[in-house]
Amino acid sequence: MFRRGETVPFAFVAEADRFRSNVAPPAPPRRSFGEVAGSALVGLTIVAGLVGAVMLGTPALQQNDHSLRNENPAAAERR
């Protein structure tokens, strides 16, 4: 079997897993006005779509007895 020439002590390998750097990563770049405005417009579009779906769907979910009475006006006169 081929062996490496230098030996690496186990303590060094274990210490390398726990190593934390004291150098802070650079701050992420600030978003431009266009990016902020674009994400706001996407959010408003999604909210407007959900509100519109609820507004259009609510009347369809209501039960109306008027629709059954208005289908046959002759039957309503006989009652």
C-alpha atoms as a PDB file:
ATOM      1  CA  MET A   1       0.000   0.000   0.000  1.00  0.00           C
ATOM      2  CA  PHE A   2       1.140   3.532  -0.686  1.00  0.00           C
ATOM      3  CA  ARG A   3       1.591   5.670   2.417  1.00  0.00           C
ATOM      4  CA  ARG A   4       1.963   9.404   2.584  1.00  0.00           C
ATOM      5  CA  GLY A   5       5.362  10.693   3.562  1.00  0.00           C
ATOM      6  CA  GLU A   6       4.151  13.121   6.219  1.00  0.00           C
ATOM      7  CA  THR A   7       1.866  12.124   9.025  1.00  0.00           C
ATOM      8  CA  VAL A   8      -1.051  14.230  10.129  1.00  0.00           C
ATOM      9  CA  PRO A   9      -1.870  13.942  13.805  1.00  0.00           C
ATOM     10  CA  PHE A  10      -5.504  13.173  14.594  1.00  0.00           C
ATOM     11  CA  ALA A  11      -5.765  16.110  16.990  1.00  0.00           C
ATOM     12  CA  PHE A  12      -4.959  18.513  14.165  1.00  0.00           C
ATOM     13  CA  VAL A  13      -7.711  17.069  11.952  1.00  0.00           C
ATOM     14  CA  ALA A  14     -10.259  17.237  14.771  1.00  0.00           C
ATOM     15  CA  GLU A  15      -9.266  20.829  15.536  1.00  0.00           C
ATOM     16  CA  ALA A  16      -9.669  21.811  11.892  1.00  0.00           C
ATOM     17  CA  ASP A  17     -13.347  20.788  11.987  1.00  0.00           C
ATOM     18  CA  ARG A  18     -14.030  23.157  14.877  1.00  0.00           C
ATOM     19  CA  PHE A  19     -12.045  26.102  13.529  1.00  0.00           C
ATOM     20  CA  ARG A  20     -13.913  29.374  13.261  1.00  0.00           C
ATOM     21  CA  SER A  21     -12.432  32.329  11.492  1.00  0.00           C
ATOM     22  CA  ASN A  22     -12.384  35.705  13.198  1.00  0.00           C
ATOM     23  CA  VAL A  23     -12.699  37.437   9.823  1.00  0.00           C
ATOM     24  CA  ALA A  24     -16.265  38.518   9.093  1.00  0.00           C
ATOM     25  CA  PRO A  25     -17.535  37.843   5.578  1.00  0.00           C
ATOM     26  CA  PRO A  26     -18.244  40.912   3.469  1.00  0.00           C
ATOM     27  CA  ALA A  27     -21.720  42.379   3.696  1.00  0.00           C
ATOM     28  CA  PRO A  28     -24.036  41.465   0.827  1.00  0.00           C
ATOM     29  CA  PRO A  29     -24.447  44.242  -1.736  1.00  0.00           C
ATOM     30  CA  ARG A  30     -27.422  46.543  -1.272  1.00  0.00           C
ATOM     31  CA  ARG A  31     -30.354  45.977  -3.557  1.00  0.00           C
ATOM     32  CA  SER A  32     -30.990  48.678  -6.118  1.00  0.00           C
ATOM     33  CA  PHE A  33     -34.202  50.673  -6.312  1.00  0.00           C
ATOM     34  CA  GLY A  34     -35.291  48.700  -9.368  1.00  0.00           C
ATOM     35  CA  GLU A  35     -34.890  45.376  -7.562  1.00  0.00           C
ATOM     36  CA  VAL A  36     -36.855  46.613  -4.542  1.00  0.00           C
ATOM     37  CA  ALA A  37     -39.598  48.052  -6.743  1.00  0.00           C
ATOM     38  CA  GLY A  38     -39.760  44.873  -8.832  1.00  0.00           C
ATOM     39  CA  SER A  39     -40.140  42.610  -5.824  1.00  0.00           C
ATOM     40  CA  ALA A  40     -42.791  44.943  -4.381  1.00  0.00           C
ATOM     41  CA  LEU A  41     -44.749  44.826  -7.644  1.00  0.00           C
ATOM     42  CA  VAL A  42     -44.560  41.042  -7.757  1.00  0.00           C
ATOM     43  CA  GLY A  43     -45.856  40.868  -4.180  1.00  0.00           C
ATOM     44  CA  LEU A  44     -48.693  43.290  -4.920  1.00  0.00           C
ATOM     45  CA  THR A  45     -49.642  41.313  -8.034  1.00  0.00           C
ATOM     46  CA  ILE A  46     -49.865  38.094  -6.037  1.00  0.00           C
ATOM     47  CA  VAL A  47     -51.947  39.722  -3.291  1.00  0.00           C
ATOM     48  CA  ALA A  48     -54.242  41.376  -5.843  1.00  0.00           C
ATOM     49  CA  GLY A  49     -54.744  38.035  -7.595  1.00  0.00           C
ATOM     50  CA  LEU A  50     -55.688  36.311  -4.352  1.00  0.00           C
ATOM     51  CA  VAL A  51     -58.085  39.099  -3.363  1.00  0.00           C
ATOM     52  CA  GLY A  52     -59.669  39.049  -6.816  1.00  0.00           C
ATOM     53  CA  ALA A  53     -60.101  35.281  -6.688  1.00  0.00           C
ATOM     54  CA  VAL A  54     -61.840  35.528  -3.327  1.00  0.00           C
ATOM     55  CA  MET A  55     -64.084  38.355  -4.520  1.00  0.00           C
ATOM     56  CA  LEU A  56     -65.088  36.505  -7.679  1.00  0.00           C
ATOM     57  CA  GLY A  57     -65.407  33.135  -5.981  1.00  0.00           C
ATOM     58  CA  THR A  58     -67.482  34.183  -2.972  1.00  0.00           C
ATOM     59  CA  PRO A  59     -70.785  34.650  -4.865  1.00  0.00           C
ATOM     60  CA  ALA A  60     -70.336  31.241  -6.492  1.00  0.00           C
ATOM     61  CA  LEU A  61     -70.067  29.588  -3.081  1.00  0.00           C
ATOM     62  CA  GLN A  62     -73.262  31.123  -1.697  1.00  0.00           C
ATOM     63  CA  GLN A  63     -76.453  29.088  -1.896  1.00  0.00           C
ATOM     64  CA  ASN A  64     -79.366  30.997  -3.345  1.00  0.00           C
ATOM     65  CA  ASP A  65     -82.918  29.703  -3.449  1.00  0.00           C
ATOM     66  CA  HIS A  66     -83.796  32.531  -5.843  1.00  0.00           C
ATOM     67  CA  SER A  67     -82.154  30.776  -8.759  1.00  0.00           C
ATOM     68  CA  LEU A  68     -84.506  27.778  -8.421  1.00  0.00           C
ATOM     69  CA  ARG A  69     -87.590  29.972  -8.201  1.00  0.00           C
ATOM     70  CA  ASN A  70     -86.688  32.108 -11.206  1.00  0.00           C
ATOM     71  CA  GLU A  71     -86.046  29.231 -13.576  1.00  0.00           C
ATOM     72  CA  ASN A  72     -89.704  28.418 -14.161  1.00  0.00           C
ATOM     73  CA  PRO A  73     -91.942  31.459 -13.639  1.00  0.00           C
ATOM     74  CA  ALA A  74     -95.092  29.505 -14.591  1.00  0.00           C
ATOM     75  CA  ALA A  75     -94.561  27.087 -11.733  1.00  0.00           C
ATOM     76  CA  ALA A  76     -94.133  30.025  -9.339  1.00  0.00           C
ATOM     77  CA  GLU A  77     -97.540  31.457 -10.393  1.00  0.00           C
ATOM     78  CA  ARG A  78     -99.323  28.160  -9.641  1.00  0.00           C
ATOM     79  CA  ARG A  79     -98.189  28.157  -6.021  1.00  0.00           C
END
